[in-house]
Structures are given as structure tokens and as C-alpha cells.
Amino acid sequence: MKNENDKIISLAMTGASGVQYGFRLLECLLKENHAVYLMVSKAAQVVIGMETDIKLPSRASDMQKFLIEKHQCNEKQLRVFGEDEWTAPVASGSSLIDAMVVCPCSMGALSAIATGASNNLIERGADVILKERKPLVLVPRESPFSDIHLENMLKLSRMGAVIVDANPGFYNQAATVADLIDFVVGKILDQLGVVNELQPRWGS
């Protein structure tokens, strides 16, 4: 049994630009002692290689070891699953997962989730969260949006998912790229009910 104050968050990173948001979110969740079930799509691994200097192993087991060492956590706090690992907890509504975030969320993943495709573990995990009426946060990074993108987001919003566009605000006078990343990650954490102080609160 898990502590009632600790959350289990399913986090998926797909092949959109903005993997920095996903990695920062992972860091914040682990720092606050929440457990994370992580899935990284093959397309996301390509983007990680293009956008960061992180040498992320491709196999889920090796990726888990790498990230556990990087974040100084343990196997109970961080588990990594492959896209075809259908026996993973995220594939079943009987699991104790509290919420799921897809960050960043490609338009392909968004479309598949909106239609219930469940062709891989990420899509199935999102389908489970929706059917169990648990929080699903999608972080799309695309511009401009087509009618298809907007219709899929509206469809998912009507199902109860929350769309947090990777669109940082500037009213806090961000001084670094890290500040801009934290603005978006703070919005995601708020939706998960995870206390954070990544950005000053308006009017504080």
C-alpha cells in the first residue's frame, strides 16, 4: 500500500519538440517523493537526441538504471516501461495510478488517444486513465494547430482531459530558458495537485 500523501504518476514522453518539459517534470515529481511510471516513445528518443545532450539508453531497463542514477532515487520510485510492455501497471484500471501526463504530446499521440486506438502502452495507459475518470494532462507542442488538432483537443477536453499547451507566460519576467520551462511545468503540477513553487503566484 502506498502512503496516501504520495502519488503515482504515469508520465509519457512522445515525439514532439519540448522534451525538456518532460524531463523537468520528472525531476520535480521525483524530488517531491512521488512515484513515476515512465514511458518514452521511440520518436521521443529521436527528439531527445536532437534537442538535448542526454545520452538516454534505448532499452527500458537500461533507461531505468540511467535515470535512477541521475536522479538518485530507487526502483520503487521510478519504473520505466517499453511501448510494448502490456503487463505494465499502466495497462490496467486495477492499478493504483493517480494520474497520467503526456509531455510533450505529439499530434499523432493526441489523435490516437482521442480515438482510443491503444496501439501501444502509452495510448493504452491514457485510455485506462480516461475510462477510470482519473486526471489526464496532455501537453501538446505544435504550431499552428490544424482543424484536426483542435477538434481532437476539444474531444479530449470534453472527455475530461486537461490540455496544458506548452506555452510559457512572460509576466513573471523570465530571465532564462529554465524559467520558461518551469512556468509550463508548474502549470502541469498544479493540475496534478502537486505542491510547487516553480513560479511566483499572481498577486503574491
N, C-alpha and C. Protein backbone atom coordinates (compact mmCIF):
# COMPACT_ATOMS: atom_id res chain seq x y z
N MET A 1 0.84 -1.20 0.00
CA MET A 1 0.00 0.00 0.00
C MET A 1 0.88 1.25 0.00
N LYS A 2 0.49 2.25 -0.78
CA LYS A 2 1.26 3.47 -0.82
C LYS A 2 0.74 4.47 0.20
N ASN A 3 1.61 5.37 0.63
CA ASN A 3 1.22 6.44 1.53
C ASN A 3 0.18 7.32 0.83
N GLU A 4 -0.88 7.70 1.54
CA GLU A 4 -1.96 8.47 0.92
C GLU A 4 -1.49 9.84 0.44
N ASN A 5 -0.37 10.32 0.96
CA ASN A 5 0.14 11.62 0.54
C ASN A 5 1.03 11.54 -0.69
N ASP A 6 1.44 10.33 -1.04
CA ASP A 6 2.29 10.13 -2.20
C ASP A 6 1.45 9.76 -3.41
N LYS A 7 1.81 10.28 -4.56
CA LYS A 7 1.08 9.98 -5.78
C LYS A 7 1.89 9.05 -6.67
N ILE A 8 1.19 8.28 -7.47
CA ILE A 8 1.83 7.52 -8.54
C ILE A 8 1.39 8.16 -9.85
N ILE A 9 2.34 8.72 -10.57
CA ILE A 9 2.04 9.44 -11.81
C ILE A 9 2.60 8.67 -12.99
N SER A 10 1.77 8.43 -13.96
CA SER A 10 2.22 7.84 -15.21
C SER A 10 2.63 8.98 -16.14
N LEU A 11 3.88 8.95 -16.58
CA LEU A 11 4.41 10.03 -17.42
C LEU A 11 4.89 9.45 -18.74
N ALA A 12 4.34 9.98 -19.83
CA ALA A 12 4.75 9.54 -21.17
C ALA A 12 5.36 10.71 -21.92
N MET A 13 6.45 10.43 -22.62
CA MET A 13 7.07 11.43 -23.47
C MET A 13 6.99 10.91 -24.91
N THR A 14 6.37 11.70 -25.78
CA THR A 14 6.21 11.29 -27.18
C THR A 14 7.01 12.21 -28.09
N GLY A 15 6.89 11.99 -29.39
CA GLY A 15 7.81 12.59 -30.33
C GLY A 15 7.56 14.01 -30.77
N ALA A 16 7.16 14.87 -29.87
CA ALA A 16 7.03 16.30 -30.17
C ALA A 16 8.26 17.03 -29.62
N SER A 17 8.51 18.21 -30.13
CA SER A 17 9.55 19.05 -29.57
C SER A 17 9.14 19.45 -28.15
N GLY A 18 10.14 19.67 -27.30
CA GLY A 18 9.83 20.09 -25.93
C GLY A 18 10.06 19.01 -24.89
N VAL A 19 10.98 18.08 -25.17
CA VAL A 19 11.26 17.03 -24.19
C VAL A 19 11.80 17.61 -22.89
N GLN A 20 12.32 18.83 -22.95
CA GLN A 20 12.82 19.48 -21.73
C GLN A 20 11.72 19.62 -20.68
N TYR A 21 10.49 19.85 -21.14
CA TYR A 21 9.36 19.93 -20.20
C TYR A 21 9.17 18.60 -19.49
N GLY A 22 9.24 17.51 -20.25
CA GLY A 22 9.04 16.20 -19.67
C GLY A 22 10.12 15.84 -18.66
N PHE A 23 11.37 16.15 -18.98
CA PHE A 23 12.46 15.83 -18.07
C PHE A 23 12.39 16.67 -16.79
N ARG A 24 12.01 17.92 -16.93
CA ARG A 24 11.89 18.78 -15.74
C ARG A 24 10.73 18.32 -14.86
N LEU A 25 9.63 17.89 -15.49
CA LEU A 25 8.50 17.37 -14.75
C LEU A 25 8.91 16.11 -13.99
N LEU A 26 9.63 15.23 -14.65
CA LEU A 26 10.12 14.02 -14.00
C LEU A 26 10.97 14.37 -12.78
N GLU A 27 11.88 15.31 -12.95
CA GLU A 27 12.75 15.75 -11.86
C GLU A 27 11.94 16.27 -10.67
N CYS A 28 10.94 17.10 -10.95
CA CYS A 28 10.14 17.69 -9.87
C CYS A 28 9.32 16.64 -9.13
N LEU A 29 8.74 15.70 -9.86
CA LEU A 29 7.93 14.66 -9.22
C LEU A 29 8.79 13.77 -8.32
N LEU A 30 9.96 13.39 -8.81
CA LEU A 30 10.84 12.54 -8.01
C LEU A 30 11.37 13.29 -6.79
N LYS A 31 11.67 14.58 -6.97
CA LYS A 31 12.17 15.39 -5.86
C LYS A 31 11.16 15.48 -4.73
N GLU A 32 9.87 15.48 -5.08
CA GLU A 32 8.81 15.56 -4.07
C GLU A 32 8.36 14.18 -3.60
N ASN A 33 9.16 13.16 -3.95
CA ASN A 33 8.95 11.78 -3.47
C ASN A 33 7.71 11.09 -4.03
N HIS A 34 7.24 11.55 -5.17
CA HIS A 34 6.16 10.84 -5.84
C HIS A 34 6.76 9.75 -6.72
N ALA A 35 6.01 8.70 -6.97
CA ALA A 35 6.47 7.62 -7.83
C ALA A 35 6.07 7.92 -9.27
N VAL A 36 6.91 7.53 -10.20
CA VAL A 36 6.66 7.79 -11.62
C VAL A 36 6.81 6.50 -12.41
N TYR A 37 5.79 6.22 -13.23
CA TYR A 37 5.86 5.16 -14.23
C TYR A 37 6.12 5.85 -15.56
N LEU A 38 7.32 5.70 -16.09
CA LEU A 38 7.74 6.45 -17.27
C LEU A 38 7.72 5.61 -18.53
N MET A 39 7.22 6.22 -19.61
CA MET A 39 7.25 5.62 -20.94
C MET A 39 7.79 6.65 -21.92
N VAL A 40 8.76 6.25 -22.70
CA VAL A 40 9.37 7.13 -23.69
C VAL A 40 9.24 6.47 -25.05
N SER A 41 8.50 7.10 -25.95
CA SER A 41 8.31 6.50 -27.27
C SER A 41 9.60 6.52 -28.08
N LYS A 42 9.64 5.70 -29.11
CA LYS A 42 10.83 5.67 -29.98
C LYS A 42 11.04 7.03 -30.64
N ALA A 43 9.95 7.67 -31.04
CA ALA A 43 10.07 9.01 -31.65
C ALA A 43 10.61 10.01 -30.64
N ALA A 44 10.19 9.89 -29.38
CA ALA A 44 10.70 10.79 -28.34
C ALA A 44 12.20 10.60 -28.14
N GLN A 45 12.66 9.38 -28.25
CA GLN A 45 14.09 9.12 -28.10
C GLN A 45 14.89 9.83 -29.20
N VAL A 46 14.32 9.89 -30.41
CA VAL A 46 14.97 10.62 -31.50
C VAL A 46 15.03 12.11 -31.18
N VAL A 47 13.92 12.65 -30.68
CA VAL A 47 13.87 14.07 -30.35
C VAL A 47 14.83 14.40 -29.21
N ILE A 48 14.91 13.51 -28.21
CA ILE A 48 15.84 13.72 -27.10
C ILE A 48 17.27 13.84 -27.61
N GLY A 49 17.62 13.00 -28.57
CA GLY A 49 18.95 13.06 -29.15
C GLY A 49 19.21 14.34 -29.93
N MET A 50 18.15 14.92 -30.51
CA MET A 50 18.28 16.16 -31.28
C MET A 50 18.28 17.40 -30.40
N GLU A 51 17.49 17.40 -29.32
CA GLU A 51 17.26 18.62 -28.54
C GLU A 51 18.08 18.72 -27.26
N THR A 52 18.68 17.63 -26.83
CA THR A 52 19.42 17.65 -25.56
C THR A 52 20.77 16.96 -25.73
N ASP A 53 21.56 17.06 -24.69
CA ASP A 53 22.83 16.34 -24.66
C ASP A 53 22.73 15.09 -23.79
N ILE A 54 21.51 14.68 -23.49
CA ILE A 54 21.28 13.48 -22.68
C ILE A 54 21.46 12.24 -23.54
N LYS A 55 22.33 11.34 -23.13
CA LYS A 55 22.58 10.09 -23.84
C LYS A 55 21.70 9.00 -23.22
N LEU A 56 20.44 9.01 -23.61
CA LEU A 56 19.46 8.12 -22.99
C LEU A 56 19.51 6.74 -23.65
N PRO A 57 19.72 5.68 -22.87
CA PRO A 57 19.71 4.33 -23.44
C PRO A 57 18.36 4.02 -24.07
N SER A 58 18.33 3.17 -25.06
CA SER A 58 17.08 2.88 -25.77
C SER A 58 16.24 1.81 -25.08
N ARG A 59 16.87 0.84 -24.43
CA ARG A 59 16.12 -0.22 -23.76
C ARG A 59 15.55 0.30 -22.45
N ALA A 60 14.30 -0.11 -22.16
CA ALA A 60 13.61 0.39 -20.96
C ALA A 60 14.39 0.09 -19.68
N SER A 61 14.94 -1.11 -19.57
CA SER A 61 15.67 -1.48 -18.35
C SER A 61 16.93 -0.65 -18.18
N ASP A 62 17.63 -0.40 -19.28
CA ASP A 62 18.84 0.43 -19.22
C ASP A 62 18.49 1.89 -18.95
N MET A 63 17.38 2.34 -19.54
CA MET A 63 16.92 3.71 -19.31
C MET A 63 16.58 3.90 -17.84
N GLN A 64 15.94 2.91 -17.25
CA GLN A 64 15.58 3.00 -15.83
C GLN A 64 16.82 3.12 -14.96
N LYS A 65 17.82 2.29 -15.20
CA LYS A 65 19.07 2.36 -14.43
C LYS A 65 19.73 3.72 -14.59
N PHE A 66 19.76 4.22 -15.82
CA PHE A 66 20.38 5.52 -16.10
C PHE A 66 19.68 6.64 -15.34
N LEU A 67 18.36 6.66 -15.37
CA LEU A 67 17.60 7.74 -14.74
C LEU A 67 17.58 7.63 -13.22
N ILE A 68 17.59 6.41 -12.71
CA ILE A 68 17.67 6.22 -11.26
C ILE A 68 18.98 6.78 -10.72
N GLU A 69 20.05 6.51 -11.45
CA GLU A 69 21.35 7.04 -11.04
C GLU A 69 21.38 8.56 -11.16
N LYS A 70 20.81 9.07 -12.24
CA LYS A 70 20.80 10.52 -12.48
C LYS A 70 20.04 11.27 -11.40
N HIS A 71 18.91 10.71 -10.97
CA HIS A 71 18.04 11.40 -10.01
C HIS A 71 18.19 10.89 -8.58
N GLN A 72 19.09 9.94 -8.39
CA GLN A 72 19.37 9.43 -7.04
C GLN A 72 18.09 8.96 -6.35
N CYS A 73 17.32 8.13 -7.06
CA CYS A 73 16.11 7.55 -6.48
C CYS A 73 16.24 6.03 -6.53
N ASN A 74 15.14 5.31 -6.37
CA ASN A 74 15.22 3.85 -6.38
C ASN A 74 14.16 3.26 -7.31
N GLU A 75 14.19 1.93 -7.46
CA GLU A 75 13.29 1.25 -8.39
C GLU A 75 11.83 1.36 -7.99
N LYS A 76 11.56 1.56 -6.72
CA LYS A 76 10.17 1.71 -6.29
C LYS A 76 9.62 3.08 -6.68
N GLN A 77 10.51 4.06 -6.80
CA GLN A 77 10.07 5.42 -7.13
C GLN A 77 10.01 5.67 -8.62
N LEU A 78 10.88 5.02 -9.39
CA LEU A 78 10.90 5.23 -10.83
C LEU A 78 10.97 3.90 -11.56
N ARG A 79 9.95 3.65 -12.36
CA ARG A 79 9.93 2.45 -13.20
C ARG A 79 9.73 2.89 -14.65
N VAL A 80 10.48 2.28 -15.54
CA VAL A 80 10.40 2.63 -16.96
C VAL A 80 9.87 1.43 -17.73
N PHE A 81 8.91 1.68 -18.61
CA PHE A 81 8.28 0.60 -19.37
C PHE A 81 8.40 0.87 -20.87
N GLY A 82 8.57 -0.21 -21.63
CA GLY A 82 8.63 -0.11 -23.07
C GLY A 82 7.24 0.02 -23.67
N GLU A 83 7.17 0.47 -24.92
CA GLU A 83 5.88 0.70 -25.58
C GLU A 83 5.06 -0.57 -25.75
N ASP A 84 5.72 -1.73 -25.77
CA ASP A 84 5.01 -3.00 -25.98
C ASP A 84 4.92 -3.83 -24.71
N GLU A 85 5.16 -3.23 -23.57
CA GLU A 85 5.16 -3.95 -22.30
C GLU A 85 3.74 -3.97 -21.72
N TRP A 86 2.93 -4.86 -22.26
CA TRP A 86 1.49 -4.86 -21.94
C TRP A 86 1.16 -5.32 -20.54
N THR A 87 2.12 -5.91 -19.84
CA THR A 87 1.87 -6.33 -18.45
C THR A 87 2.19 -5.22 -17.45
N ALA A 88 2.56 -4.04 -17.94
CA ALA A 88 2.86 -2.91 -17.05
C ALA A 88 1.60 -2.44 -16.33
N PRO A 89 1.73 -1.90 -15.12
CA PRO A 89 0.56 -1.45 -14.35
C PRO A 89 -0.31 -0.44 -15.10
N VAL A 90 0.29 0.40 -15.94
CA VAL A 90 -0.48 1.45 -16.62
C VAL A 90 -1.50 0.87 -17.58
N ALA A 91 -1.39 -0.42 -17.92
CA ALA A 91 -2.30 -1.03 -18.90
C ALA A 91 -3.61 -1.49 -18.27
N SER A 92 -3.74 -1.37 -16.96
CA SER A 92 -4.93 -1.89 -16.29
C SER A 92 -5.54 -0.88 -15.33
N GLY A 93 -6.86 -0.86 -15.31
CA GLY A 93 -7.58 0.03 -14.40
C GLY A 93 -7.49 -0.42 -12.95
N SER A 94 -6.97 -1.62 -12.70
CA SER A 94 -6.84 -2.11 -11.32
C SER A 94 -5.60 -1.56 -10.63
N SER A 95 -4.75 -0.85 -11.37
CA SER A 95 -3.53 -0.29 -10.78
C SER A 95 -3.87 0.91 -9.90
N LEU A 96 -2.89 1.34 -9.11
CA LEU A 96 -3.10 2.45 -8.17
C LEU A 96 -2.62 3.79 -8.71
N ILE A 97 -2.51 3.90 -10.01
CA ILE A 97 -2.04 5.14 -10.62
C ILE A 97 -3.04 6.26 -10.37
N ASP A 98 -2.53 7.42 -9.97
CA ASP A 98 -3.40 8.55 -9.63
C ASP A 98 -3.72 9.43 -10.83
N ALA A 99 -2.78 9.57 -11.75
CA ALA A 99 -2.97 10.48 -12.88
C ALA A 99 -1.95 10.14 -13.96
N MET A 100 -2.18 10.69 -15.15
CA MET A 100 -1.23 10.49 -16.25
C MET A 100 -0.98 11.82 -16.94
N VAL A 101 0.28 12.00 -17.36
CA VAL A 101 0.68 13.17 -18.14
C VAL A 101 1.39 12.70 -19.39
N VAL A 102 1.02 13.27 -20.53
CA VAL A 102 1.77 13.04 -21.76
C VAL A 102 2.46 14.35 -22.10
N CYS A 103 3.79 14.37 -21.91
CA CYS A 103 4.55 15.62 -22.00
C CYS A 103 5.95 15.38 -22.55
N PRO A 104 6.24 15.83 -23.75
CA PRO A 104 5.32 16.51 -24.67
C PRO A 104 4.41 15.51 -25.37
N CYS A 105 3.32 16.02 -25.89
CA CYS A 105 2.34 15.17 -26.57
C CYS A 105 2.32 15.52 -28.06
N SER A 106 2.74 14.59 -28.88
CA SER A 106 2.71 14.81 -30.33
C SER A 106 1.27 14.78 -30.83
N MET A 107 1.06 15.32 -32.01
CA MET A 107 -0.28 15.31 -32.58
C MET A 107 -0.71 13.89 -32.94
N GLY A 108 0.25 13.02 -33.25
CA GLY A 108 -0.06 11.62 -33.50
C GLY A 108 -0.57 10.93 -32.25
N ALA A 109 0.11 11.16 -31.13
CA ALA A 109 -0.33 10.58 -29.86
C ALA A 109 -1.67 11.15 -29.45
N LEU A 110 -1.84 12.45 -29.64
CA LEU A 110 -3.11 13.11 -29.30
C LEU A 110 -4.26 12.48 -30.07
N SER A 111 -4.05 12.27 -31.37
CA SER A 111 -5.09 11.68 -32.21
C SER A 111 -5.43 10.26 -31.77
N ALA A 112 -4.38 9.47 -31.49
CA ALA A 112 -4.59 8.08 -31.08
C ALA A 112 -5.34 8.00 -29.75
N ILE A 113 -5.00 8.89 -28.81
CA ILE A 113 -5.68 8.91 -27.52
C ILE A 113 -7.14 9.33 -27.69
N ALA A 114 -7.37 10.30 -28.56
CA ALA A 114 -8.74 10.79 -28.78
C ALA A 114 -9.64 9.72 -29.38
N THR A 115 -9.07 8.80 -30.14
CA THR A 115 -9.87 7.76 -30.79
C THR A 115 -9.82 6.43 -30.06
N GLY A 116 -9.06 6.36 -28.96
CA GLY A 116 -8.96 5.12 -28.20
C GLY A 116 -8.21 4.03 -28.93
N ALA A 117 -7.23 4.38 -29.73
CA ALA A 117 -6.53 3.41 -30.57
C ALA A 117 -5.84 2.31 -29.76
N SER A 118 -5.16 2.70 -28.68
CA SER A 118 -4.47 1.75 -27.79
C SER A 118 -3.53 0.82 -28.54
N ASN A 119 -2.78 1.36 -29.48
CA ASN A 119 -1.83 0.56 -30.26
C ASN A 119 -0.52 0.33 -29.54
N ASN A 120 -0.24 1.08 -28.49
CA ASN A 120 0.96 0.87 -27.68
C ASN A 120 0.63 1.18 -26.23
N LEU A 121 1.61 1.01 -25.36
CA LEU A 121 1.35 1.16 -23.92
C LEU A 121 0.99 2.59 -23.54
N ILE A 122 1.57 3.57 -24.23
CA ILE A 122 1.23 4.97 -23.93
C ILE A 122 -0.24 5.23 -24.23
N GLU A 123 -0.68 4.81 -25.40
CA GLU A 123 -2.08 5.03 -25.79
C GLU A 123 -3.02 4.25 -24.87
N ARG A 124 -2.66 3.01 -24.55
CA ARG A 124 -3.48 2.21 -23.66
C ARG A 124 -3.54 2.83 -22.26
N GLY A 125 -2.39 3.33 -21.79
CA GLY A 125 -2.37 3.97 -20.47
C GLY A 125 -3.31 5.15 -20.40
N ALA A 126 -3.32 5.97 -21.45
CA ALA A 126 -4.22 7.12 -21.48
C ALA A 126 -5.67 6.67 -21.55
N ASP A 127 -5.94 5.61 -22.31
CA ASP A 127 -7.29 5.07 -22.43
C ASP A 127 -7.80 4.59 -21.07
N VAL A 128 -6.92 3.95 -20.31
CA VAL A 128 -7.28 3.47 -18.97
C VAL A 128 -7.60 4.64 -18.05
N ILE A 129 -6.77 5.66 -18.08
CA ILE A 129 -6.99 6.82 -17.21
C ILE A 129 -8.34 7.48 -17.53
N LEU A 130 -8.66 7.59 -18.81
CA LEU A 130 -9.93 8.19 -19.20
C LEU A 130 -11.11 7.35 -18.73
N LYS A 131 -11.03 6.04 -18.92
CA LYS A 131 -12.17 5.19 -18.53
C LYS A 131 -12.35 5.13 -17.02
N GLU A 132 -11.25 5.30 -16.30
CA GLU A 132 -11.32 5.30 -14.83
C GLU A 132 -11.65 6.67 -14.26
N ARG A 133 -11.82 7.65 -15.15
CA ARG A 133 -12.17 9.02 -14.75
C ARG A 133 -11.12 9.63 -13.82
N LYS A 134 -9.85 9.38 -14.15
CA LYS A 134 -8.75 9.97 -13.40
C LYS A 134 -8.12 11.09 -14.23
N PRO A 135 -7.33 11.96 -13.60
CA PRO A 135 -6.76 13.11 -14.33
C PRO A 135 -5.82 12.68 -15.46
N LEU A 136 -6.08 13.22 -16.64
CA LEU A 136 -5.19 13.05 -17.79
C LEU A 136 -4.80 14.43 -18.28
N VAL A 137 -3.49 14.72 -18.25
CA VAL A 137 -2.98 16.01 -18.68
C VAL A 137 -2.15 15.81 -19.94
N LEU A 138 -2.53 16.52 -21.00
CA LEU A 138 -1.82 16.43 -22.27
C LEU A 138 -1.13 17.75 -22.55
N VAL A 139 0.14 17.68 -22.94
CA VAL A 139 0.93 18.88 -23.16
C VAL A 139 1.39 18.92 -24.63
N PRO A 140 0.52 19.41 -25.52
CA PRO A 140 0.88 19.46 -26.94
C PRO A 140 1.87 20.56 -27.24
N ARG A 141 2.73 20.32 -28.23
CA ARG A 141 3.69 21.33 -28.66
C ARG A 141 3.67 21.32 -30.18
N GLU A 142 2.85 22.19 -30.72
CA GLU A 142 2.69 22.28 -32.18
C GLU A 142 2.26 23.69 -32.53
N SER A 143 2.59 24.15 -33.72
CA SER A 143 2.16 25.48 -34.15
C SER A 143 2.34 25.61 -35.66
N PRO A 144 1.32 26.06 -36.35
CA PRO A 144 -0.03 26.32 -35.88
C PRO A 144 -0.82 25.02 -35.75
N PHE A 145 -1.98 25.09 -35.10
CA PHE A 145 -2.85 23.94 -34.98
C PHE A 145 -3.77 23.86 -36.19
N SER A 146 -3.93 22.66 -36.72
CA SER A 146 -4.90 22.45 -37.80
C SER A 146 -6.28 22.21 -37.20
N ASP A 147 -7.31 22.17 -38.05
CA ASP A 147 -8.65 21.85 -37.57
C ASP A 147 -8.67 20.47 -36.90
N ILE A 148 -7.91 19.53 -37.45
CA ILE A 148 -7.84 18.19 -36.88
C ILE A 148 -7.29 18.24 -35.46
N HIS A 149 -6.20 18.98 -35.27
CA HIS A 149 -5.60 19.09 -33.93
C HIS A 149 -6.60 19.70 -32.94
N LEU A 150 -7.23 20.79 -33.36
CA LEU A 150 -8.16 21.48 -32.47
C LEU A 150 -9.38 20.62 -32.14
N GLU A 151 -9.89 19.90 -33.13
CA GLU A 151 -11.04 19.03 -32.90
C GLU A 151 -10.68 17.89 -31.94
N ASN A 152 -9.47 17.34 -32.08
CA ASN A 152 -9.04 16.27 -31.18
C ASN A 152 -8.88 16.79 -29.75
N MET A 153 -8.33 18.00 -29.61
CA MET A 153 -8.18 18.57 -28.28
C MET A 153 -9.53 18.86 -27.64
N LEU A 154 -10.47 19.37 -28.43
CA LEU A 154 -11.81 19.63 -27.91
C LEU A 154 -12.49 18.32 -27.50
N LYS A 155 -12.32 17.30 -28.31
CA LYS A 155 -12.91 16.00 -28.00
C LYS A 155 -12.37 15.46 -26.68
N LEU A 156 -11.06 15.57 -26.49
CA LEU A 156 -10.44 15.08 -25.27
C LEU A 156 -10.82 15.93 -24.06
N SER A 157 -10.92 17.23 -24.27
CA SER A 157 -11.33 18.12 -23.17
C SER A 157 -12.73 17.74 -22.70
N ARG A 158 -13.61 17.43 -23.64
CA ARG A 158 -14.98 17.03 -23.28
C ARG A 158 -15.01 15.69 -22.57
N MET A 159 -13.98 14.88 -22.75
CA MET A 159 -13.88 13.60 -22.04
C MET A 159 -13.34 13.79 -20.62
N GLY A 160 -12.83 14.98 -20.33
CA GLY A 160 -12.29 15.25 -19.01
C GLY A 160 -10.79 15.46 -18.97
N ALA A 161 -10.12 15.27 -20.10
CA ALA A 161 -8.68 15.53 -20.14
C ALA A 161 -8.42 17.03 -20.05
N VAL A 162 -7.25 17.39 -19.55
CA VAL A 162 -6.85 18.79 -19.47
C VAL A 162 -5.72 19.03 -20.46
N ILE A 163 -5.89 20.04 -21.30
CA ILE A 163 -4.88 20.41 -22.28
C ILE A 163 -4.05 21.56 -21.71
N VAL A 164 -2.78 21.30 -21.45
CA VAL A 164 -1.86 22.35 -20.98
C VAL A 164 -0.89 22.62 -22.12
N ASP A 165 -1.18 23.61 -22.91
CA ASP A 165 -0.33 23.94 -24.05
C ASP A 165 1.06 24.35 -23.56
N ALA A 166 2.09 23.88 -24.26
CA ALA A 166 3.47 24.23 -23.89
C ALA A 166 3.75 25.67 -24.30
N ASN A 167 3.10 26.57 -23.60
CA ASN A 167 3.07 27.99 -23.99
C ASN A 167 3.37 28.84 -22.77
N PRO A 168 4.65 29.13 -22.50
CA PRO A 168 5.00 29.86 -21.28
C PRO A 168 4.54 31.31 -21.29
N GLY A 169 4.19 31.80 -20.11
CA GLY A 169 3.85 33.21 -19.96
C GLY A 169 5.10 34.03 -19.66
N PHE A 170 5.00 35.32 -19.85
CA PHE A 170 6.15 36.19 -19.66
C PHE A 170 5.94 37.24 -18.57
N TYR A 171 4.80 37.18 -17.88
CA TYR A 171 4.50 38.22 -16.90
C TYR A 171 5.37 38.13 -15.65
N ASN A 172 6.04 36.99 -15.46
CA ASN A 172 6.97 36.88 -14.34
C ASN A 172 8.38 37.32 -14.71
N GLN A 173 8.52 37.86 -15.93
CA GLN A 173 9.80 38.38 -16.41
C GLN A 173 10.90 37.32 -16.34
N ALA A 174 10.66 36.22 -17.05
CA ALA A 174 11.62 35.12 -17.08
C ALA A 174 12.98 35.60 -17.57
N ALA A 175 14.02 35.15 -16.90
CA ALA A 175 15.38 35.57 -17.24
C ALA A 175 16.14 34.49 -18.00
N THR A 176 15.66 33.23 -17.91
CA THR A 176 16.36 32.12 -18.54
C THR A 176 15.36 31.19 -19.23
N VAL A 177 15.89 30.32 -20.07
CA VAL A 177 15.06 29.28 -20.69
C VAL A 177 14.49 28.37 -19.60
N ALA A 178 15.28 28.10 -18.57
CA ALA A 178 14.81 27.27 -17.45
C ALA A 178 13.57 27.87 -16.79
N ASP A 179 13.52 29.21 -16.69
CA ASP A 179 12.35 29.87 -16.12
C ASP A 179 11.11 29.62 -16.98
N LEU A 180 11.28 29.65 -18.29
CA LEU A 180 10.17 29.41 -19.21
C LEU A 180 9.68 27.97 -19.11
N ILE A 181 10.61 27.05 -18.97
CA ILE A 181 10.25 25.64 -18.80
C ILE A 181 9.49 25.45 -17.50
N ASP A 182 9.98 26.07 -16.43
CA ASP A 182 9.32 25.93 -15.11
C ASP A 182 7.92 26.50 -15.11
N PHE A 183 7.67 27.53 -15.93
CA PHE A 183 6.33 28.10 -15.99
C PHE A 183 5.33 27.03 -16.43
N VAL A 184 5.67 26.31 -17.49
CA VAL A 184 4.77 25.27 -18.02
C VAL A 184 4.70 24.09 -17.06
N VAL A 185 5.83 23.67 -16.54
CA VAL A 185 5.85 22.53 -15.62
C VAL A 185 5.05 22.84 -14.36
N GLY A 186 5.13 24.07 -13.89
CA GLY A 186 4.33 24.47 -12.74
C GLY A 186 2.84 24.33 -13.00
N LYS A 187 2.42 24.68 -14.22
CA LYS A 187 1.00 24.53 -14.60
C LYS A 187 0.58 23.06 -14.58
N ILE A 188 1.48 22.19 -15.04
CA ILE A 188 1.18 20.76 -15.04
C ILE A 188 1.06 20.23 -13.62
N LEU A 189 2.01 20.61 -12.78
CA LEU A 189 2.00 20.17 -11.38
C LEU A 189 0.74 20.64 -10.66
N ASP A 190 0.29 21.84 -10.98
CA ASP A 190 -0.95 22.35 -10.39
C ASP A 190 -2.12 21.44 -10.74
N GLN A 191 -2.18 20.99 -11.98
CA GLN A 191 -3.26 20.11 -12.42
C GLN A 191 -3.21 18.76 -11.72
N LEU A 192 -2.00 18.35 -11.33
CA LEU A 192 -1.84 17.07 -10.63
C LEU A 192 -2.05 17.20 -9.13
N GLY A 193 -2.20 18.43 -8.64
CA GLY A 193 -2.34 18.65 -7.21
C GLY A 193 -1.03 18.48 -6.47
N VAL A 194 0.08 18.71 -7.18
CA VAL A 194 1.40 18.59 -6.56
C VAL A 194 1.88 19.99 -6.19
N VAL A 195 2.13 20.20 -4.91
CA VAL A 195 2.57 21.50 -4.42
C VAL A 195 3.92 21.85 -5.04
N ASN A 196 4.02 23.08 -5.52
CA ASN A 196 5.28 23.53 -6.11
C ASN A 196 5.42 25.04 -5.99
N GLU A 197 6.64 25.49 -6.08
CA GLU A 197 6.93 26.92 -6.05
C GLU A 197 7.83 27.28 -7.22
N LEU A 198 7.53 26.71 -8.38
CA LEU A 198 8.36 26.94 -9.56
C LEU A 198 8.24 28.37 -10.09
N GLN A 199 7.07 28.97 -9.85
CA GLN A 199 6.84 30.33 -10.32
C GLN A 199 6.12 31.12 -9.24
N PRO A 200 6.36 32.43 -9.16
CA PRO A 200 5.56 33.25 -8.23
C PRO A 200 4.08 33.20 -8.61
N ARG A 201 3.23 33.18 -7.62
CA ARG A 201 1.79 33.19 -7.87
C ARG A 201 1.34 34.62 -8.17
N TRP A 202 0.39 34.74 -9.09
CA TRP A 202 -0.13 36.04 -9.45
C TRP A 202 -0.69 36.77 -8.23
N GLY A 203 -0.24 37.99 -8.01
CA GLY A 203 -0.73 38.79 -6.90
C GLY A 203 -0.03 38.52 -5.58
N SER A 204 0.93 37.59 -5.60
CA SER A 204 1.61 37.27 -4.33
C SER A 204 2.72 38.28 -4.05
